[in-house]
N, C-alpha and C. Protein backbone atom coordinates (compact mmCIF):
# COMPACT_ATOMS: atom_id res chain seq x y z
N VAL A 1 0.86 -1.18 0.00
CA VAL A 1 0.00 0.00 0.00
C VAL A 1 0.90 1.23 0.00
N CYS A 2 0.60 2.18 -0.84
CA CYS A 2 1.44 3.36 -0.93
C CYS A 2 1.18 4.30 0.26
N ARG A 3 2.12 5.16 0.52
CA ARG A 3 2.01 6.09 1.65
C ARG A 3 0.84 7.06 1.49
N ALA A 4 0.57 7.48 0.26
CA ALA A 4 -0.54 8.41 0.02
C ALA A 4 -1.87 7.76 0.41
N CYS A 5 -2.05 6.50 0.05
CA CYS A 5 -3.30 5.80 0.40
C CYS A 5 -3.41 5.64 1.91
N THR A 6 -2.29 5.33 2.55
CA THR A 6 -2.29 5.17 4.01
C THR A 6 -2.69 6.47 4.69
N LYS A 7 -2.21 7.59 4.18
CA LYS A 7 -2.54 8.89 4.78
C LYS A 7 -3.95 9.34 4.43
N ASP A 8 -4.38 9.09 3.19
CA ASP A 8 -5.70 9.54 2.75
C ASP A 8 -6.84 8.70 3.33
N MET A 9 -6.61 7.42 3.54
CA MET A 9 -7.65 6.52 4.03
C MET A 9 -7.12 5.65 5.18
N PRO A 10 -6.79 6.26 6.32
CA PRO A 10 -6.21 5.48 7.42
C PRO A 10 -7.17 4.43 7.99
N GLU A 11 -8.47 4.67 7.89
CA GLU A 11 -9.43 3.70 8.42
C GLU A 11 -9.43 2.41 7.60
N LYS A 12 -8.96 2.49 6.36
CA LYS A 12 -8.93 1.32 5.50
C LYS A 12 -7.51 0.76 5.36
N TYR A 13 -6.55 1.63 5.13
CA TYR A 13 -5.18 1.20 4.84
C TYR A 13 -4.19 1.48 5.97
N GLY A 14 -4.68 1.94 7.10
CA GLY A 14 -3.79 2.18 8.22
C GLY A 14 -3.25 0.87 8.77
N LEU A 15 -2.13 0.96 9.45
CA LEU A 15 -1.51 -0.23 10.03
C LEU A 15 -1.76 -0.27 11.53
N MET A 16 -1.86 -1.48 12.05
CA MET A 16 -2.10 -1.67 13.48
C MET A 16 -1.24 -2.82 13.97
N THR A 17 -0.68 -2.66 15.16
CA THR A 17 0.14 -3.72 15.73
C THR A 17 -0.72 -4.91 16.10
N LYS A 18 -0.07 -6.04 16.23
CA LYS A 18 -0.77 -7.27 16.59
C LYS A 18 -1.46 -7.13 17.95
N THR A 19 -0.78 -6.52 18.91
CA THR A 19 -1.34 -6.34 20.24
C THR A 19 -2.59 -5.49 20.20
N ASN A 20 -2.54 -4.38 19.48
CA ASN A 20 -3.70 -3.50 19.38
C ASN A 20 -4.83 -4.14 18.59
N ALA A 21 -4.48 -4.93 17.58
CA ALA A 21 -5.50 -5.61 16.78
C ALA A 21 -6.28 -6.60 17.64
N LYS A 22 -5.57 -7.32 18.48
CA LYS A 22 -6.23 -8.28 19.37
C LYS A 22 -7.18 -7.57 20.33
N ALA A 23 -6.76 -6.42 20.83
CA ALA A 23 -7.58 -5.68 21.79
C ALA A 23 -8.78 -5.01 21.12
N GLU A 24 -8.56 -4.37 19.99
CA GLU A 24 -9.63 -3.60 19.35
C GLU A 24 -10.64 -4.47 18.62
N TYR A 25 -10.16 -5.51 17.96
CA TYR A 25 -11.05 -6.35 17.16
C TYR A 25 -11.35 -7.69 17.82
N LEU A 26 -10.83 -7.92 19.03
CA LEU A 26 -11.07 -9.15 19.79
C LEU A 26 -10.71 -10.40 18.98
N LEU A 27 -9.57 -10.33 18.32
CA LEU A 27 -9.11 -11.45 17.50
C LEU A 27 -8.03 -12.22 18.25
N GLY A 28 -7.94 -13.49 17.98
CA GLY A 28 -6.91 -14.33 18.58
C GLY A 28 -5.83 -14.65 17.57
N ASP A 29 -4.82 -15.35 18.02
CA ASP A 29 -3.72 -15.74 17.14
C ASP A 29 -4.22 -16.56 15.96
N ALA A 30 -5.20 -17.41 16.19
CA ALA A 30 -5.75 -18.24 15.11
C ALA A 30 -6.39 -17.37 14.02
N ASP A 31 -7.02 -16.27 14.43
CA ASP A 31 -7.66 -15.37 13.46
C ASP A 31 -6.62 -14.61 12.65
N LEU A 32 -5.48 -14.33 13.25
CA LEU A 32 -4.45 -13.52 12.61
C LEU A 32 -3.46 -14.33 11.78
N LYS A 33 -3.42 -15.63 11.99
CA LYS A 33 -2.37 -16.44 11.36
C LYS A 33 -2.41 -16.43 9.84
N ASP A 34 -3.57 -16.27 9.23
CA ASP A 34 -3.68 -16.29 7.78
C ASP A 34 -3.58 -14.91 7.15
N LEU A 35 -3.50 -13.87 7.96
CA LEU A 35 -3.42 -12.50 7.44
C LEU A 35 -1.97 -12.14 7.14
N GLN A 36 -1.79 -11.34 6.11
CA GLN A 36 -0.46 -10.85 5.79
C GLN A 36 -0.11 -9.71 6.73
N PHE A 37 1.17 -9.57 7.03
CA PHE A 37 1.61 -8.49 7.89
C PHE A 37 3.00 -8.02 7.48
N VAL A 38 3.36 -6.87 7.99
CA VAL A 38 4.68 -6.30 7.74
C VAL A 38 5.44 -6.34 9.05
N ARG A 39 6.69 -6.74 9.00
CA ARG A 39 7.54 -6.70 10.19
C ARG A 39 8.30 -5.38 10.20
N LYS A 40 8.35 -4.77 11.38
CA LYS A 40 9.09 -3.51 11.52
C LYS A 40 9.85 -3.57 12.84
N LYS A 41 11.10 -3.18 12.79
CA LYS A 41 11.90 -3.15 14.01
C LYS A 41 11.38 -2.08 14.94
N ILE A 42 11.36 -2.40 16.22
CA ILE A 42 10.95 -1.44 17.23
C ILE A 42 12.09 -0.45 17.43
N THR A 43 11.78 0.84 17.34
CA THR A 43 12.82 1.87 17.43
C THR A 43 12.90 2.49 18.81
N SER A 44 12.34 1.84 19.78
CA SER A 44 12.36 2.34 21.15
C SER A 44 13.76 2.21 21.74
N THR A 45 14.07 3.07 22.67
CA THR A 45 15.36 2.99 23.37
C THR A 45 15.26 2.13 24.62
N GLU A 46 14.09 1.61 24.89
CA GLU A 46 13.89 0.75 26.05
C GLU A 46 14.70 -0.54 25.88
N THR A 47 15.27 -1.03 26.94
CA THR A 47 16.10 -2.21 26.90
C THR A 47 15.34 -3.43 26.40
N TRP A 48 14.10 -3.60 26.83
CA TRP A 48 13.31 -4.78 26.45
C TRP A 48 13.02 -4.81 24.95
N ALA A 49 13.05 -3.66 24.28
CA ALA A 49 12.65 -3.58 22.88
C ALA A 49 13.81 -3.76 21.91
N LYS A 50 15.02 -3.71 22.39
CA LYS A 50 16.17 -3.78 21.48
C LYS A 50 16.18 -5.08 20.70
N GLY A 51 16.26 -4.94 19.37
CA GLY A 51 16.34 -6.09 18.50
C GLY A 51 15.02 -6.79 18.23
N LYS A 52 13.93 -6.30 18.78
CA LYS A 52 12.62 -6.94 18.57
C LYS A 52 11.89 -6.31 17.40
N GLU A 53 10.95 -7.06 16.87
CA GLU A 53 10.13 -6.59 15.75
C GLU A 53 8.66 -6.63 16.14
N MET A 54 7.90 -5.75 15.49
CA MET A 54 6.46 -5.78 15.68
C MET A 54 5.82 -6.22 14.37
N GLN A 55 4.64 -6.77 14.48
CA GLN A 55 3.87 -7.18 13.32
C GLN A 55 2.77 -6.15 13.10
N LEU A 56 2.72 -5.61 11.88
CA LEU A 56 1.73 -4.60 11.54
C LEU A 56 0.75 -5.16 10.51
N PHE A 57 -0.54 -5.04 10.82
CA PHE A 57 -1.61 -5.55 9.97
C PHE A 57 -2.41 -4.40 9.39
N LEU A 58 -2.97 -4.60 8.20
CA LEU A 58 -3.86 -3.61 7.60
C LEU A 58 -5.20 -3.62 8.33
N ARG A 59 -5.71 -2.44 8.62
CA ARG A 59 -7.01 -2.33 9.30
C ARG A 59 -8.12 -3.01 8.51
N MET A 60 -8.07 -2.86 7.20
CA MET A 60 -9.11 -3.43 6.35
C MET A 60 -9.17 -4.94 6.54
N GLN A 61 -8.02 -5.60 6.59
CA GLN A 61 -8.00 -7.05 6.78
C GLN A 61 -8.45 -7.44 8.18
N LEU A 62 -8.10 -6.62 9.17
CA LEU A 62 -8.54 -6.89 10.54
C LEU A 62 -10.05 -6.79 10.66
N GLU A 63 -10.62 -5.78 10.02
CA GLU A 63 -12.08 -5.62 10.05
C GLU A 63 -12.76 -6.81 9.39
N GLU A 64 -12.21 -7.27 8.27
CA GLU A 64 -12.79 -8.42 7.58
C GLU A 64 -12.72 -9.67 8.46
N ALA A 65 -11.60 -9.85 9.14
CA ALA A 65 -11.45 -11.01 10.03
C ALA A 65 -12.43 -10.94 11.19
N ALA A 66 -12.65 -9.73 11.72
CA ALA A 66 -13.60 -9.56 12.83
C ALA A 66 -15.03 -9.84 12.37
N VAL A 67 -15.37 -9.38 11.19
CA VAL A 67 -16.71 -9.65 10.65
C VAL A 67 -16.90 -11.13 10.43
N LYS A 68 -15.87 -11.79 9.94
CA LYS A 68 -15.94 -13.24 9.71
C LYS A 68 -16.14 -13.98 11.03
N ARG A 69 -15.46 -13.52 12.07
CA ARG A 69 -15.55 -14.20 13.36
C ARG A 69 -16.84 -13.89 14.10
N TYR A 70 -17.24 -12.62 14.10
CA TYR A 70 -18.40 -12.20 14.91
C TYR A 70 -19.67 -11.96 14.11
N GLY A 71 -19.58 -11.90 12.79
CA GLY A 71 -20.77 -11.74 11.98
C GLY A 71 -21.12 -10.31 11.65
N GLY A 72 -20.39 -9.34 12.15
CA GLY A 72 -20.65 -7.95 11.84
C GLY A 72 -20.21 -7.01 12.94
N GLY A 73 -20.29 -5.72 12.64
CA GLY A 73 -19.86 -4.70 13.57
C GLY A 73 -20.67 -4.64 14.85
N LEU A 74 -21.96 -4.85 14.74
CA LEU A 74 -22.83 -4.81 15.91
C LEU A 74 -22.50 -5.94 16.88
N GLN A 75 -22.30 -7.11 16.34
CA GLN A 75 -21.97 -8.25 17.19
C GLN A 75 -20.60 -8.06 17.86
N LEU A 76 -19.67 -7.45 17.14
CA LEU A 76 -18.35 -7.16 17.72
C LEU A 76 -18.49 -6.19 18.88
N GLU A 77 -19.29 -5.16 18.72
CA GLU A 77 -19.51 -4.20 19.81
C GLU A 77 -20.17 -4.86 21.01
N GLN A 78 -21.10 -5.75 20.75
CA GLN A 78 -21.76 -6.46 21.86
C GLN A 78 -20.76 -7.34 22.61
N GLU A 79 -19.86 -7.97 21.87
CA GLU A 79 -18.84 -8.81 22.50
C GLU A 79 -17.88 -7.97 23.32
N LYS A 80 -17.56 -6.78 22.85
CA LYS A 80 -16.69 -5.86 23.61
C LYS A 80 -17.34 -5.49 24.93
N GLU A 81 -18.64 -5.26 24.89
CA GLU A 81 -19.35 -4.88 26.11
C GLU A 81 -19.39 -6.02 27.12
N LYS A 82 -19.45 -7.25 26.63
CA LYS A 82 -19.46 -8.42 27.51
C LYS A 82 -18.14 -8.55 28.27
N ARG A 83 -17.04 -8.20 27.59
CA ARG A 83 -15.72 -8.39 28.19
C ARG A 83 -15.38 -7.25 29.05
């Protein structure tokens, strides 16, 4: 995805870390295993982060996976309220 598309349509082409994707879309590792992602080195100066990479997923693919798992946006919101 080009940078212009990412900036113009962040809700569709924005990137999200694996940790945030799990929290926001209530997806598990099994849901994410078939999705494509980009690896990016963590640029933090924190000792724990040195040499580690994060996995970045497209929001559009995360939304599709959440709809597949929960059946739609309304059901996802209801599941969020339960937790």
